[in-house]
C-alpha cells in the first residue's frame, strides 16, 4: 500500500490544514462620496478606481466621530469580499479646520476688511 502522509513529518503536514489563520485586511485610502442608509457609506478608493460600501468601525461609533461626504478615510477591505469594508480612520483636512474665531465662512467684504488698514468693519452706512 502507498503511504498518503509522510510519517516522519506528520505535524508539519497537518498544521497548516488545522490552524489556518485569518486573512489579513487590506488597508487603502478613500474618499467618502455618499452617505447610505443604516450607517453605511459609499467610498471611492484612491489606489483603485472602484467604489466600496463601508461602515464605521466600532471605536468610531463609540466616540461619535462624524463622517461626511468629502472626508478622506482609511478603509480596511475584506479579502473575501473586496466590495465591502470598514472605515477605521478619518484623516483631518487642514482646510476644513475652523479658524480661531470659530466660523468657517468668511464673506468677501470681511476678507477685504481683515486685510486692509481700516479700523471700521463693513456694515450699513451711518449718516
Protein backbone atom coordinates (compact mmCIF):
# COMPACT_ATOMS: atom_id res chain seq x y z
CA UNK A 1 0.00 0.00 0.00
CA UNK A 2 1.05 3.53 -0.67
CA UNK A 3 1.51 5.92 2.19
CA UNK A 4 -0.57 9.08 1.68
CA UNK A 5 1.00 11.07 4.51
CA UNK A 6 4.68 11.31 5.31
CA UNK A 7 5.11 9.58 8.68
CA UNK A 8 8.22 11.46 9.79
CA UNK A 9 6.75 14.96 9.37
CA UNK A 10 3.05 14.49 10.11
CA UNK A 11 2.73 17.57 12.34
CA UNK A 12 4.27 19.85 9.71
CA UNK A 13 1.86 18.47 7.14
CA UNK A 14 -1.31 18.82 9.23
CA UNK A 15 -0.54 22.12 10.97
CA UNK A 16 -1.39 24.40 8.01
CA UNK A 17 -4.62 22.49 7.44
CA UNK A 18 -5.80 22.66 11.05
CA UNK A 19 -4.62 26.13 12.10
CA UNK A 20 -5.49 28.33 9.16
CA UNK A 21 -5.00 31.93 10.18
CA UNK A 22 -7.49 34.64 9.39
CA UNK A 23 -6.67 36.52 6.20
CA UNK A 24 -5.23 39.99 6.76
CA UNK A 25 -7.35 43.01 5.89
CA UNK A 26 -6.18 45.31 3.10
CA UNK A 27 -5.86 48.97 4.14
CA UNK A 28 -6.44 51.60 1.44
CA UNK A 29 -7.19 55.33 1.34
CA UNK A 30 -10.51 56.55 0.01
CA UNK A 31 -12.86 59.50 -0.30
CA UNK A 32 -16.41 59.40 1.09
CA UNK A 33 -18.80 60.00 -1.80
CA UNK A 34 -22.21 59.37 -0.29
CA UNK A 35 -23.90 58.51 3.00
CA UNK A 36 -26.10 55.45 2.64
CA UNK A 37 -28.80 54.10 4.93
CA UNK A 38 -28.15 52.28 8.21
CA UNK A 39 -24.75 53.83 8.94
CA UNK A 40 -23.06 52.82 5.71
CA UNK A 41 -21.02 54.93 3.33
CA UNK A 42 -20.04 54.77 -0.34
CA UNK A 43 -16.27 55.28 -0.56
CA UNK A 44 -14.26 55.92 -3.75
CA UNK A 45 -10.86 54.24 -3.35
CA UNK A 46 -7.79 56.30 -4.27
CA UNK A 47 -5.49 53.42 -5.32
CA UNK A 48 -8.08 51.54 -7.37
CA UNK A 49 -10.84 53.01 -9.50
CA UNK A 50 -13.72 51.40 -7.65
CA UNK A 51 -16.36 52.26 -5.09
CA UNK A 52 -16.95 50.14 -2.00
CA UNK A 53 -19.65 50.06 0.63
CA UNK A 54 -18.15 50.66 4.08
CA UNK A 55 -19.32 51.09 7.65
CA UNK A 56 -17.69 52.95 10.53
CA UNK A 57 -15.59 50.87 12.93
CA UNK A 58 -16.76 50.30 16.48
CA UNK A 59 -14.39 52.84 18.08
CA UNK A 60 -15.55 55.49 15.61
CA UNK A 61 -19.16 54.82 16.59
CA UNK A 62 -18.26 54.73 20.29
CA UNK A 63 -16.55 58.12 20.22
CA UNK A 64 -19.14 59.54 17.78
CA UNK A 65 -16.70 60.54 15.07
CA UNK A 66 -18.75 62.11 12.30
CA UNK A 67 -18.08 61.18 8.69
CA UNK A 68 -19.41 63.44 5.95
CA UNK A 69 -19.09 63.34 2.15
CA UNK A 70 -15.70 64.64 1.05
CA UNK A 71 -13.78 63.20 4.03
CA UNK A 72 -10.56 61.31 3.36
CA UNK A 73 -10.71 57.96 5.20
CA UNK A 74 -8.71 54.77 5.65
CA UNK A 75 -10.70 51.67 4.77
CA UNK A 76 -9.93 48.06 5.68
CA UNK A 77 -11.15 45.85 2.85
CA UNK A 78 -12.38 42.35 3.45
CA UNK A 79 -10.10 39.98 1.47
CA UNK A 80 -13.00 37.60 0.85
CA UNK A 81 -15.44 40.31 -0.32
CA UNK A 82 -13.45 43.27 -1.73
CA UNK A 83 -16.56 45.38 -2.36
CA UNK A 84 -17.21 45.76 1.37
CA UNK A 85 -15.04 47.37 4.02
CA UNK A 86 -14.72 49.10 7.38
CA UNK A 87 -13.72 52.73 7.91
CA UNK A 88 -11.02 52.73 10.59
CA UNK A 89 -9.63 56.28 10.39
CA UNK A 90 -10.79 59.69 9.20
CA UNK A 91 -7.96 61.94 8.03
CA UNK A 92 -8.21 65.52 9.29
CA UNK A 93 -8.20 68.02 6.42
CA UNK A 94 -6.32 71.21 7.29
CA UNK A 95 -8.61 73.23 5.01
CA UNK A 96 -11.71 72.17 6.92
CA UNK A 97 -10.38 73.15 10.36
CA UNK A 98 -12.19 76.06 11.95
CA UNK A 99 -10.48 79.39 12.34
CA UNK A 100 -9.78 80.79 15.80
CA UNK A 101 -12.95 82.87 15.70
CA UNK A 102 -14.95 79.68 15.26
CA UNK A 103 -16.52 80.41 11.87
CA UNK A 104 -15.62 78.63 8.66
CA UNK A 105 -17.37 81.03 6.33
CA UNK A 106 -15.85 84.46 5.73
CA UNK A 107 -17.58 86.77 3.28
CA UNK A 108 -15.65 88.71 0.66
CA UNK A 109 -16.29 92.02 2.49
CA UNK A 110 -14.96 90.61 5.77
CA UNK A 111 -11.90 89.21 4.00
CA UNK A 112 -11.00 92.58 2.47
CA UNK A 113 -11.68 94.34 5.77
CA UNK A 114 -9.42 91.91 7.62
CA UNK A 115 -6.58 92.55 5.19
CA UNK A 116 -6.97 96.32 4.86
CA UNK A 117 -5.83 99.00 7.30
CA UNK A 118 -9.37 100.26 8.00
CA UNK A 119 -10.44 100.16 11.63
CA UNK A 120 -14.17 100.07 10.93
CA UNK A 121 -15.79 96.78 9.91
CA UNK A 122 -18.17 96.80 6.91
CA UNK A 123 -21.77 97.43 7.75
CA UNK A 124 -24.66 99.73 6.98
CA UNK A 125 -23.54 103.24 6.16
CA UNK A 126 -24.05 105.52 9.14
CA UNK A 127 -25.24 109.08 8.43
